[in-house]
N, C-alpha and C. Protein backbone atom coordinates (compact mmCIF):
# COMPACT_ATOMS: atom_id res chain seq x y z
N MET A 1 7.94 44.64 -37.89
CA MET A 1 7.85 43.34 -38.84
C MET A 1 7.47 43.82 -40.12
N ASP A 2 8.51 43.86 -41.14
CA ASP A 2 8.04 44.20 -42.46
C ASP A 2 7.42 43.34 -43.33
N LEU A 3 6.25 43.44 -43.85
CA LEU A 3 5.57 42.49 -44.61
C LEU A 3 5.75 42.94 -46.06
N VAL A 4 5.84 41.88 -46.82
CA VAL A 4 6.25 41.74 -48.41
C VAL A 4 5.05 40.91 -49.06
N THR A 5 4.87 41.31 -50.33
CA THR A 5 4.05 40.54 -51.05
C THR A 5 4.48 39.30 -51.60
N LEU A 6 3.90 38.14 -51.26
CA LEU A 6 4.44 36.69 -51.83
C LEU A 6 3.88 36.62 -53.24
N THR A 7 2.63 36.72 -53.44
CA THR A 7 1.80 36.65 -54.59
C THR A 7 0.41 37.34 -54.52
N THR A 8 -0.17 37.55 -55.62
CA THR A 8 -1.31 38.08 -55.71
C THR A 8 -2.33 37.14 -56.35
N VAL A 9 -3.58 36.81 -55.96
CA VAL A 9 -4.41 35.86 -56.56
C VAL A 9 -5.79 36.77 -56.71
N HIS A 10 -6.77 36.09 -57.45
CA HIS A 10 -7.92 36.80 -57.63
C HIS A 10 -9.25 35.87 -57.23
N ASP A 11 -8.96 34.91 -56.45
CA ASP A 11 -9.90 33.94 -55.97
C ASP A 11 -9.83 33.76 -54.47
N VAL A 12 -10.84 33.85 -53.80
CA VAL A 12 -10.80 33.89 -52.28
C VAL A 12 -10.33 32.35 -51.78
N GLY A 13 -10.91 31.42 -52.66
CA GLY A 13 -10.51 30.02 -52.06
C GLY A 13 -9.08 29.73 -52.53
N LEU A 14 -8.61 30.43 -53.54
CA LEU A 14 -7.12 30.05 -53.83
C LEU A 14 -6.25 30.81 -52.53
N ALA A 15 -6.82 32.00 -52.47
CA ALA A 15 -6.00 32.80 -51.25
C ALA A 15 -6.18 31.84 -49.95
N SER A 16 -7.24 31.09 -49.62
CA SER A 16 -7.19 30.22 -48.46
C SER A 16 -6.24 29.09 -48.54
N ILE A 17 -6.15 28.57 -49.79
CA ILE A 17 -5.39 27.24 -49.97
C ILE A 17 -3.93 27.81 -49.64
N VAL A 18 -3.60 28.94 -50.47
CA VAL A 18 -2.20 29.43 -50.12
C VAL A 18 -1.80 29.60 -48.96
N ARG A 19 -2.72 30.41 -48.10
CA ARG A 19 -2.51 30.65 -46.73
C ARG A 19 -2.48 29.34 -45.90
N GLY A 20 -3.12 28.33 -46.09
CA GLY A 20 -3.21 26.85 -45.56
C GLY A 20 -1.70 26.22 -45.67
N VAL A 21 -1.31 26.31 -46.85
CA VAL A 21 -0.01 25.84 -47.23
C VAL A 21 1.08 26.39 -46.52
N LEU A 22 1.11 27.73 -46.32
CA LEU A 22 2.15 28.39 -45.71
C LEU A 22 2.03 28.14 -44.27
N ASP A 23 0.68 28.02 -43.74
CA ASP A 23 0.62 27.70 -42.29
C ASP A 23 0.96 26.56 -41.87
N GLN A 24 0.95 25.38 -42.91
CA GLN A 24 1.46 24.04 -42.48
C GLN A 24 2.96 24.16 -42.48
N ALA A 25 3.52 24.94 -43.23
CA ALA A 25 5.07 25.03 -43.32
C ALA A 25 5.63 25.99 -42.10
N GLY A 26 4.60 26.31 -41.19
CA GLY A 26 5.04 27.34 -40.17
C GLY A 26 5.45 28.68 -40.66
N ILE A 27 4.80 29.13 -41.65
CA ILE A 27 4.93 30.45 -42.24
C ILE A 27 3.75 31.30 -41.93
N GLU A 28 3.80 32.29 -41.12
CA GLU A 28 2.60 33.00 -40.99
C GLU A 28 2.45 34.16 -42.03
N SER A 29 1.16 34.35 -42.46
CA SER A 29 0.81 35.17 -43.60
C SER A 29 -0.55 35.93 -43.30
N THR A 30 -0.73 36.93 -44.12
CA THR A 30 -2.05 37.70 -43.86
C THR A 30 -2.39 38.14 -45.36
N THR A 31 -3.50 38.73 -45.54
CA THR A 31 -4.08 39.22 -46.85
C THR A 31 -4.45 40.65 -46.87
N THR A 32 -4.38 41.15 -48.05
CA THR A 32 -5.31 42.47 -48.49
C THR A 32 -6.41 41.91 -49.17
N GLY A 33 -7.26 42.80 -49.25
CA GLY A 33 -8.61 42.44 -49.97
C GLY A 33 -9.70 41.86 -49.13
N THR A 34 -10.75 41.18 -49.36
CA THR A 34 -11.79 40.74 -48.79
C THR A 34 -11.80 39.26 -48.68
N VAL A 35 -10.81 38.38 -48.16
CA VAL A 35 -10.63 37.14 -48.05
C VAL A 35 -11.81 36.68 -47.06
N ASP A 36 -12.33 37.39 -46.36
CA ASP A 36 -13.14 36.84 -45.19
C ASP A 36 -14.65 36.67 -45.80
N ASP A 37 -14.87 37.33 -46.89
CA ASP A 37 -16.27 37.20 -47.34
C ASP A 37 -16.66 35.84 -47.62
N VAL A 38 -18.02 35.41 -47.24
CA VAL A 38 -18.22 33.96 -47.33
C VAL A 38 -19.08 33.92 -48.86
N PHE A 39 -19.70 34.95 -49.17
CA PHE A 39 -20.50 35.04 -50.52
C PHE A 39 -19.74 35.52 -51.48
N PRO A 40 -19.66 35.12 -52.78
CA PRO A 40 -18.97 35.46 -53.69
C PRO A 40 -19.40 37.07 -54.37
N VAL A 41 -18.49 37.59 -54.76
CA VAL A 41 -18.87 39.05 -55.19
C VAL A 41 -18.76 39.11 -56.68
N ASP A 42 -19.29 40.12 -57.31
CA ASP A 42 -19.29 40.08 -58.95
C ASP A 42 -18.26 40.86 -59.36
N GLU A 43 -17.38 41.38 -58.52
CA GLU A 43 -16.03 42.06 -59.18
C GLU A 43 -14.86 40.94 -58.75
N VAL A 44 -13.93 41.25 -59.72
CA VAL A 44 -12.61 40.70 -59.17
C VAL A 44 -11.82 41.61 -58.40
N ILE A 45 -11.31 40.99 -57.27
CA ILE A 45 -10.67 41.79 -56.32
C ILE A 45 -9.21 41.15 -56.15
N PRO A 46 -8.17 41.90 -56.45
CA PRO A 46 -6.88 41.38 -56.21
C PRO A 46 -6.66 41.01 -54.62
N ILE A 47 -6.12 39.81 -54.28
CA ILE A 47 -5.76 39.65 -53.00
C ILE A 47 -4.39 39.39 -52.89
N GLN A 48 -3.58 40.12 -52.00
CA GLN A 48 -2.23 40.00 -51.88
C GLN A 48 -2.03 39.05 -50.73
N ILE A 49 -1.18 38.21 -50.76
CA ILE A 49 -0.75 37.23 -49.82
C ILE A 49 0.55 37.97 -49.37
N LEU A 50 0.58 38.31 -48.03
CA LEU A 50 1.76 38.97 -47.36
C LEU A 50 2.55 37.99 -46.53
N VAL A 51 3.82 38.15 -46.45
CA VAL A 51 4.47 37.33 -45.38
C VAL A 51 5.66 38.20 -44.94
N ARG A 52 6.36 37.64 -43.85
CA ARG A 52 7.37 38.64 -43.23
C ARG A 52 8.68 38.60 -44.32
N GLU A 53 9.26 39.69 -44.33
CA GLU A 53 10.39 39.78 -45.18
C GLU A 53 11.32 38.58 -45.00
N GLY A 54 11.57 38.09 -44.02
CA GLY A 54 12.69 37.16 -43.62
C GLY A 54 12.12 35.83 -43.92
N ASP A 55 10.79 35.65 -44.17
CA ASP A 55 10.24 34.30 -44.74
C ASP A 55 9.99 34.24 -46.15
N LEU A 56 10.16 35.32 -46.86
CA LEU A 56 9.97 35.27 -48.10
C LEU A 56 10.60 34.22 -48.99
N ALA A 57 11.79 34.01 -49.04
CA ALA A 57 12.43 33.07 -49.81
C ALA A 57 12.02 31.59 -49.53
N ARG A 58 11.83 31.37 -48.29
CA ARG A 58 11.27 30.20 -47.91
C ARG A 58 9.80 29.94 -48.27
N ALA A 59 9.07 30.82 -48.34
CA ALA A 59 7.57 30.90 -48.66
C ALA A 59 7.54 30.59 -50.01
N ARG A 60 8.34 31.29 -51.00
CA ARG A 60 8.38 31.07 -52.27
C ARG A 60 8.75 29.51 -52.54
N ASP A 61 9.72 28.96 -51.66
CA ASP A 61 10.15 27.56 -51.92
C ASP A 61 9.09 26.71 -51.71
N VAL A 62 8.19 27.06 -50.48
CA VAL A 62 7.17 26.09 -50.02
C VAL A 62 5.93 26.14 -51.38
N LEU A 63 5.79 27.26 -51.78
CA LEU A 63 4.69 27.38 -52.79
C LEU A 63 5.11 26.70 -54.12
N ALA A 64 6.33 26.81 -54.38
CA ALA A 64 6.90 26.12 -55.73
C ALA A 64 6.68 24.45 -55.48
N SER A 65 7.09 24.19 -54.35
CA SER A 65 7.07 22.70 -54.22
C SER A 65 5.62 22.28 -54.28
N TYR A 66 4.61 22.92 -53.64
CA TYR A 66 3.31 22.66 -53.62
C TYR A 66 2.64 22.68 -55.00
N GLU A 67 2.90 23.82 -55.78
CA GLU A 67 2.48 23.67 -57.18
C GLU A 67 3.18 22.73 -58.07
N ASN A 68 4.39 22.13 -57.65
CA ASN A 68 4.90 21.16 -58.54
C ASN A 68 4.48 19.64 -58.15
N GLU A 69 3.80 19.54 -56.99
CA GLU A 69 3.33 18.26 -56.64
C GLU A 69 2.19 17.58 -57.75
N PRO A 70 2.67 16.29 -57.82
CA PRO A 70 1.60 15.64 -58.77
C PRO A 70 0.26 15.41 -58.07
N GLU A 71 -0.70 15.67 -58.84
CA GLU A 71 -2.06 15.33 -58.26
C GLU A 71 -2.26 13.86 -58.28
N GLU A 72 -2.99 13.33 -57.22
CA GLU A 72 -3.19 12.12 -56.90
C GLU A 72 -3.29 11.21 -58.21
N ASP A 73 -4.46 11.44 -59.01
CA ASP A 73 -4.65 11.06 -60.30
C ASP A 73 -3.49 10.79 -61.24
N GLU A 74 -2.53 11.64 -61.00
CA GLU A 74 -1.30 11.60 -61.93
C GLU A 74 -0.28 10.74 -61.63
N GLU A 75 -0.27 10.26 -60.32
CA GLU A 75 0.61 9.31 -59.89
C GLU A 75 0.46 7.75 -60.23
N GLU A 76 -0.79 7.43 -60.77
CA GLU A 76 -0.85 6.05 -61.13
C GLU A 76 -0.60 5.83 -62.60
């Protein structure tokens, strides 16, 4: 299974959100970096979100759809 980088983030919380969105869409992902740390660190660590090469296009579409969803406050 060849893994490719979908995106790189610098926030553990954001990495978790991205992985959750992918998971809900049925796309498996993994990360590089220290996303399992519970306590914040003083340094900025790039965290790569990796997916299977065959899932890359769909994963990009899923993230694009998520990023373009209006927030609840904007709907009113």
